[in-house]
């Protein structure tokens, strides 16, 4: 169970570093660059920890799915990306797939 909690937190941190990367303007802005580096290191460390018990394919897909979903949602909330019903439905579908992967995972619960 702890591996899944760590994996979810790592997925959230993926969205943090991805958003910070965009805000860093090619590493020209120091604050977002620092957030990017710290977020990336913590996210990768958490992913590595979680993959000790969760199958790599499942863990990676869940990690990327959480990060991608939250990155797009954050961009929509901040106005950096448009909000459309199709995008929202696709994000909900992605979340459903992430939950499905957890439910059918071979890892210990």
N, C-alpha and C. Protein backbone atom coordinates (compact mmCIF):
# COMPACT_ATOMS: atom_id res chain seq x y z
N UNK A 1 0.82 -1.20 0.00
CA UNK A 1 0.00 0.00 0.00
C UNK A 1 0.86 1.26 0.00
N UNK A 2 1.94 1.25 0.78
CA UNK A 2 2.82 2.41 0.83
C UNK A 2 3.40 2.73 -0.55
N UNK A 3 3.71 1.71 -1.31
CA UNK A 3 4.25 1.94 -2.66
C UNK A 3 3.26 2.69 -3.54
N UNK A 4 1.97 2.39 -3.39
CA UNK A 4 0.97 3.09 -4.18
C UNK A 4 0.83 4.54 -3.73
N UNK A 5 0.91 4.79 -2.45
CA UNK A 5 0.84 6.17 -1.95
C UNK A 5 2.03 6.97 -2.47
N UNK A 6 3.21 6.37 -2.39
CA UNK A 6 4.42 7.03 -2.89
C UNK A 6 4.31 7.26 -4.40
N UNK A 7 3.76 6.30 -5.12
CA UNK A 7 3.60 6.46 -6.56
C UNK A 7 2.67 7.62 -6.90
N UNK A 8 1.57 7.74 -6.19
CA UNK A 8 0.64 8.85 -6.44
C UNK A 8 1.31 10.19 -6.13
N UNK A 9 2.01 10.27 -5.01
CA UNK A 9 2.72 11.51 -4.68
C UNK A 9 3.76 11.83 -5.74
N UNK A 10 4.45 10.80 -6.23
CA UNK A 10 5.45 11.00 -7.28
C UNK A 10 4.80 11.49 -8.57
N UNK A 11 3.59 11.00 -8.87
CA UNK A 11 2.86 11.47 -10.04
C UNK A 11 2.47 12.93 -9.90
N UNK A 12 2.08 13.34 -8.70
CA UNK A 12 1.78 14.75 -8.44
C UNK A 12 3.04 15.59 -8.64
N UNK A 13 4.16 15.08 -8.13
CA UNK A 13 5.42 15.80 -8.30
C UNK A 13 5.85 15.87 -9.76
N UNK A 14 5.43 14.90 -10.56
CA UNK A 14 5.73 14.97 -11.99
C UNK A 14 5.03 16.18 -12.60
N UNK A 15 3.79 16.42 -12.20
CA UNK A 15 3.07 17.60 -12.69
C UNK A 15 3.74 18.88 -12.22
N UNK A 16 4.28 18.85 -11.00
CA UNK A 16 4.99 20.03 -10.48
C UNK A 16 6.21 20.33 -11.33
N UNK A 17 7.04 19.29 -11.56
CA UNK A 17 8.26 19.59 -12.32
C UNK A 17 7.98 19.90 -13.78
N UNK A 18 6.95 19.29 -14.35
CA UNK A 18 6.62 19.60 -15.75
C UNK A 18 6.14 21.04 -15.88
N UNK A 19 5.31 21.47 -14.95
CA UNK A 19 4.81 22.85 -14.98
C UNK A 19 5.95 23.84 -14.71
N UNK A 20 6.82 23.49 -13.77
CA UNK A 20 7.97 24.35 -13.47
C UNK A 20 8.92 24.43 -14.66
N UNK A 21 9.08 23.33 -15.38
CA UNK A 21 9.93 23.34 -16.56
C UNK A 21 9.41 24.35 -17.58
N UNK A 22 8.11 24.34 -17.81
CA UNK A 22 7.53 25.31 -18.74
C UNK A 22 7.71 26.73 -18.26
N UNK A 23 7.56 26.93 -16.96
CA UNK A 23 7.69 28.28 -16.38
C UNK A 23 9.13 28.76 -16.31
N UNK A 24 10.09 27.85 -16.42
CA UNK A 24 11.50 28.23 -16.30
C UNK A 24 12.02 28.96 -17.53
N UNK A 25 11.26 28.92 -18.61
CA UNK A 25 11.65 29.56 -19.88
C UNK A 25 13.06 29.13 -20.30
N UNK A 26 13.22 27.82 -20.43
CA UNK A 26 14.51 27.28 -20.87
C UNK A 26 15.59 27.43 -19.82
N UNK A 27 15.22 27.30 -18.56
CA UNK A 27 16.12 27.41 -17.41
C UNK A 27 16.69 28.82 -17.23
N UNK A 28 16.01 29.83 -17.77
CA UNK A 28 16.47 31.21 -17.60
C UNK A 28 15.92 31.86 -16.33
N UNK A 29 14.84 31.29 -15.77
CA UNK A 29 14.28 31.82 -14.53
C UNK A 29 14.69 30.92 -13.38
N UNK A 30 15.40 31.47 -12.38
CA UNK A 30 15.95 30.62 -11.33
C UNK A 30 14.91 29.91 -10.46
N UNK A 31 13.87 30.59 -10.01
CA UNK A 31 12.92 29.97 -9.07
C UNK A 31 12.23 28.74 -9.70
N UNK A 32 11.64 28.87 -10.89
CA UNK A 32 11.02 27.68 -11.49
C UNK A 32 12.05 26.59 -11.81
N UNK A 33 13.27 26.99 -12.12
CA UNK A 33 14.32 26.01 -12.40
C UNK A 33 14.64 25.20 -11.15
N UNK A 34 14.71 25.86 -10.00
CA UNK A 34 14.96 25.16 -8.74
C UNK A 34 13.80 24.23 -8.41
N UNK A 35 12.56 24.70 -8.59
CA UNK A 35 11.38 23.85 -8.35
C UNK A 35 11.42 22.64 -9.28
N UNK A 36 11.80 22.87 -10.53
CA UNK A 36 11.92 21.77 -11.50
C UNK A 36 12.90 20.71 -11.01
N UNK A 37 14.10 21.13 -10.62
CA UNK A 37 15.14 20.18 -10.22
C UNK A 37 14.71 19.40 -8.98
N UNK A 38 14.19 20.09 -7.97
CA UNK A 38 13.76 19.42 -6.74
C UNK A 38 12.58 18.48 -7.02
N UNK A 39 11.60 18.98 -7.79
CA UNK A 39 10.44 18.15 -8.13
C UNK A 39 10.84 16.91 -8.92
N UNK A 40 11.74 17.09 -9.86
CA UNK A 40 12.21 15.97 -10.69
C UNK A 40 12.91 14.92 -9.84
N UNK A 41 13.82 15.36 -8.98
CA UNK A 41 14.56 14.41 -8.14
C UNK A 41 13.63 13.65 -7.20
N UNK A 42 12.71 14.36 -6.55
CA UNK A 42 11.79 13.70 -5.63
C UNK A 42 10.83 12.77 -6.37
N UNK A 43 10.36 13.21 -7.54
CA UNK A 43 9.45 12.39 -8.32
C UNK A 43 10.12 11.10 -8.79
N UNK A 44 11.34 11.21 -9.29
CA UNK A 44 12.07 10.02 -9.75
C UNK A 44 12.42 9.09 -8.59
N UNK A 45 12.79 9.67 -7.46
CA UNK A 45 13.11 8.84 -6.29
C UNK A 45 11.87 8.08 -5.83
N UNK A 46 10.74 8.76 -5.81
CA UNK A 46 9.50 8.09 -5.42
C UNK A 46 9.10 7.01 -6.41
N UNK A 47 9.26 7.30 -7.69
CA UNK A 47 8.94 6.29 -8.71
C UNK A 47 9.84 5.07 -8.53
N UNK A 48 11.13 5.30 -8.33
CA UNK A 48 12.06 4.19 -8.13
C UNK A 48 11.67 3.36 -6.92
N UNK A 49 11.28 4.02 -5.83
CA UNK A 49 10.85 3.32 -4.62
C UNK A 49 9.61 2.47 -4.91
N UNK A 50 8.62 3.08 -5.56
CA UNK A 50 7.35 2.39 -5.83
C UNK A 50 7.54 1.19 -6.74
N UNK A 51 8.46 1.29 -7.69
CA UNK A 51 8.66 0.20 -8.64
C UNK A 51 9.35 -1.01 -8.03
N UNK A 52 9.73 -0.92 -6.78
CA UNK A 52 10.26 -2.11 -6.09
C UNK A 52 9.15 -3.12 -5.86
N UNK A 53 7.90 -2.65 -5.74
CA UNK A 53 6.77 -3.56 -5.49
C UNK A 53 5.72 -3.55 -6.59
N UNK A 54 5.65 -2.48 -7.33
CA UNK A 54 4.64 -2.35 -8.39
C UNK A 54 5.30 -2.70 -9.72
N UNK A 55 4.65 -3.50 -10.56
CA UNK A 55 5.24 -3.81 -11.87
C UNK A 55 5.59 -2.53 -12.65
N UNK A 56 6.71 -2.54 -13.31
CA UNK A 56 7.22 -1.35 -13.98
C UNK A 56 6.22 -0.76 -14.97
N UNK A 57 5.63 -1.57 -15.81
CA UNK A 57 4.68 -1.06 -16.80
C UNK A 57 3.50 -0.36 -16.15
N UNK A 58 2.92 -0.99 -15.15
CA UNK A 58 1.78 -0.42 -14.44
C UNK A 58 2.20 0.85 -13.69
N UNK A 59 3.29 0.77 -12.96
CA UNK A 59 3.74 1.92 -12.19
C UNK A 59 4.05 3.11 -13.06
N UNK A 60 4.77 2.87 -14.15
CA UNK A 60 5.13 3.98 -15.04
C UNK A 60 3.88 4.59 -15.68
N UNK A 61 2.95 3.75 -16.12
CA UNK A 61 1.72 4.26 -16.74
C UNK A 61 0.91 5.10 -15.75
N UNK A 62 0.81 4.64 -14.51
CA UNK A 62 0.07 5.38 -13.49
C UNK A 62 0.78 6.70 -13.20
N UNK A 63 2.10 6.67 -13.06
CA UNK A 63 2.90 7.87 -12.77
C UNK A 63 2.73 8.91 -13.87
N UNK A 64 2.89 8.48 -15.11
CA UNK A 64 2.75 9.39 -16.24
C UNK A 64 1.31 9.90 -16.35
N UNK A 65 0.35 9.01 -16.15
CA UNK A 65 -1.06 9.41 -16.26
C UNK A 65 -1.44 10.46 -15.24
N UNK A 66 -1.00 10.28 -14.00
CA UNK A 66 -1.29 11.26 -12.96
C UNK A 66 -0.61 12.58 -13.31
N UNK A 67 0.66 12.51 -13.68
CA UNK A 67 1.39 13.73 -14.03
C UNK A 67 0.79 14.46 -15.20
N UNK A 68 0.44 13.73 -16.24
CA UNK A 68 -0.13 14.36 -17.44
C UNK A 68 -1.49 14.98 -17.14
N UNK A 69 -2.33 14.25 -16.43
CA UNK A 69 -3.66 14.75 -16.09
C UNK A 69 -3.57 16.04 -15.27
N UNK A 70 -2.74 16.02 -14.24
CA UNK A 70 -2.62 17.20 -13.39
C UNK A 70 -1.94 18.37 -14.09
N UNK A 71 -0.99 18.08 -14.97
CA UNK A 71 -0.33 19.15 -15.72
C UNK A 71 -1.33 19.86 -16.63
N UNK A 72 -2.15 19.10 -17.34
CA UNK A 72 -3.16 19.70 -18.22
C UNK A 72 -4.22 20.43 -17.40
N UNK A 73 -4.66 19.81 -16.30
CA UNK A 73 -5.68 20.46 -15.45
C UNK A 73 -5.15 21.78 -14.90
N UNK A 74 -3.90 21.80 -14.45
CA UNK A 74 -3.30 23.03 -13.94
C UNK A 74 -3.24 24.10 -15.03
N UNK A 75 -2.85 23.68 -16.23
CA UNK A 75 -2.78 24.63 -17.34
C UNK A 75 -4.16 25.19 -17.68
N UNK A 76 -5.18 24.37 -17.57
CA UNK A 76 -6.54 24.84 -17.81
C UNK A 76 -6.98 25.82 -16.72
N UNK A 77 -6.67 25.49 -15.48
CA UNK A 77 -7.07 26.35 -14.35
C UNK A 77 -6.39 27.71 -14.43
N UNK A 78 -5.13 27.72 -14.83
CA UNK A 78 -4.38 28.98 -14.90
C UNK A 78 -4.63 29.75 -16.19
N UNK A 79 -5.37 29.14 -17.11
CA UNK A 79 -5.67 29.82 -18.36
C UNK A 79 -4.60 29.65 -19.43
N UNK A 80 -3.59 28.87 -19.16
CA UNK A 80 -2.54 28.63 -20.15
C UNK A 80 -3.03 27.72 -21.28
N UNK A 81 -4.09 26.99 -21.01
CA UNK A 81 -4.67 26.09 -22.00
C UNK A 81 -6.18 26.22 -21.94
N UNK A 82 -6.81 26.12 -23.09
CA UNK A 82 -8.27 26.27 -23.15
C UNK A 82 -8.97 25.07 -22.50
N UNK A 83 -10.16 25.33 -22.00
CA UNK A 83 -10.98 24.28 -21.41
C UNK A 83 -12.11 23.96 -22.39
N UNK A 84 -12.18 22.70 -22.79
CA UNK A 84 -13.28 22.27 -23.64
C UNK A 84 -13.87 21.00 -23.04
N UNK A 85 -15.09 20.74 -23.38
CA UNK A 85 -15.75 19.54 -22.88
C UNK A 85 -15.02 18.28 -23.34
N UNK A 86 -14.50 18.32 -24.55
CA UNK A 86 -13.77 17.15 -25.07
C UNK A 86 -12.51 16.90 -24.25
N UNK A 87 -11.75 17.96 -23.94
CA UNK A 87 -10.54 17.79 -23.13
C UNK A 87 -10.88 17.26 -21.74
N UNK A 88 -11.92 17.80 -21.13
CA UNK A 88 -12.31 17.34 -19.80
C UNK A 88 -12.72 15.87 -19.85
N UNK A 89 -13.49 15.48 -20.85
CA UNK A 89 -13.90 14.08 -20.97
C UNK A 89 -12.70 13.16 -21.20
N UNK A 90 -11.75 13.61 -22.00
CA UNK A 90 -10.55 12.80 -22.24
C UNK A 90 -9.72 12.66 -20.96
N UNK A 91 -9.61 13.73 -20.19
CA UNK A 91 -8.89 13.64 -18.92
C UNK A 91 -9.59 12.70 -17.95
N UNK A 92 -10.92 12.76 -17.91
CA UNK A 92 -11.67 11.83 -17.06
C UNK A 92 -11.46 10.38 -17.51
N UNK A 93 -11.38 10.18 -18.82
CA UNK A 93 -11.08 8.84 -19.33
C UNK A 93 -9.69 8.38 -18.92
N UNK A 94 -8.74 9.29 -18.93
CA UNK A 94 -7.38 8.96 -18.49
C UNK A 94 -7.37 8.58 -17.01
N UNK A 95 -8.10 9.34 -16.20
CA UNK A 95 -8.19 9.01 -14.77
C UNK A 95 -8.84 7.63 -14.59
N UNK A 96 -9.87 7.34 -15.36
CA UNK A 96 -10.52 6.03 -15.26
C UNK A 96 -9.53 4.91 -15.62
N UNK A 97 -8.70 5.14 -16.61
CA UNK A 97 -7.70 4.13 -16.99
C UNK A 97 -6.65 3.95 -15.89
N UNK A 98 -6.25 5.04 -15.23
CA UNK A 98 -5.29 4.95 -14.14
C UNK A 98 -5.88 4.12 -13.00
N UNK A 99 -7.11 4.41 -12.63
CA UNK A 99 -7.78 3.65 -11.58
C UNK A 99 -7.90 2.18 -11.99
N UNK A 100 -8.23 1.95 -13.25
CA UNK A 100 -8.34 0.58 -13.74
C UNK A 100 -7.04 -0.18 -13.63
N UNK A 101 -5.93 0.48 -13.96
CA UNK A 101 -4.63 -0.18 -13.84
C UNK A 101 -4.33 -0.55 -12.39
N UNK A 102 -4.70 0.31 -11.47
CA UNK A 102 -4.52 -0.01 -10.05
C UNK A 102 -5.36 -1.22 -9.66
N UNK A 103 -6.59 -1.24 -10.13
CA UNK A 103 -7.50 -2.32 -9.75
C UNK A 103 -7.07 -3.68 -10.29
N UNK A 104 -6.43 -3.72 -11.44
CA UNK A 104 -6.02 -5.00 -12.02
C UNK A 104 -4.54 -5.30 -11.79
N UNK A 105 -3.86 -4.47 -11.02
CA UNK A 105 -2.44 -4.64 -10.79
C UNK A 105 -2.13 -5.96 -10.07
N UNK A 106 -0.97 -6.51 -10.41
CA UNK A 106 -0.50 -7.74 -9.77
C UNK A 106 0.24 -7.45 -8.46
N UNK A 107 0.43 -6.18 -8.14
CA UNK A 107 1.20 -5.85 -6.94
C UNK A 107 0.38 -6.01 -5.68
N UNK A 108 1.07 -6.12 -4.54
CA UNK A 108 0.34 -6.22 -3.27
C UNK A 108 -0.44 -4.94 -3.00
N UNK A 109 -1.59 -5.09 -2.40
CA UNK A 109 -2.42 -3.92 -2.12
C UNK A 109 -2.11 -3.48 -0.73
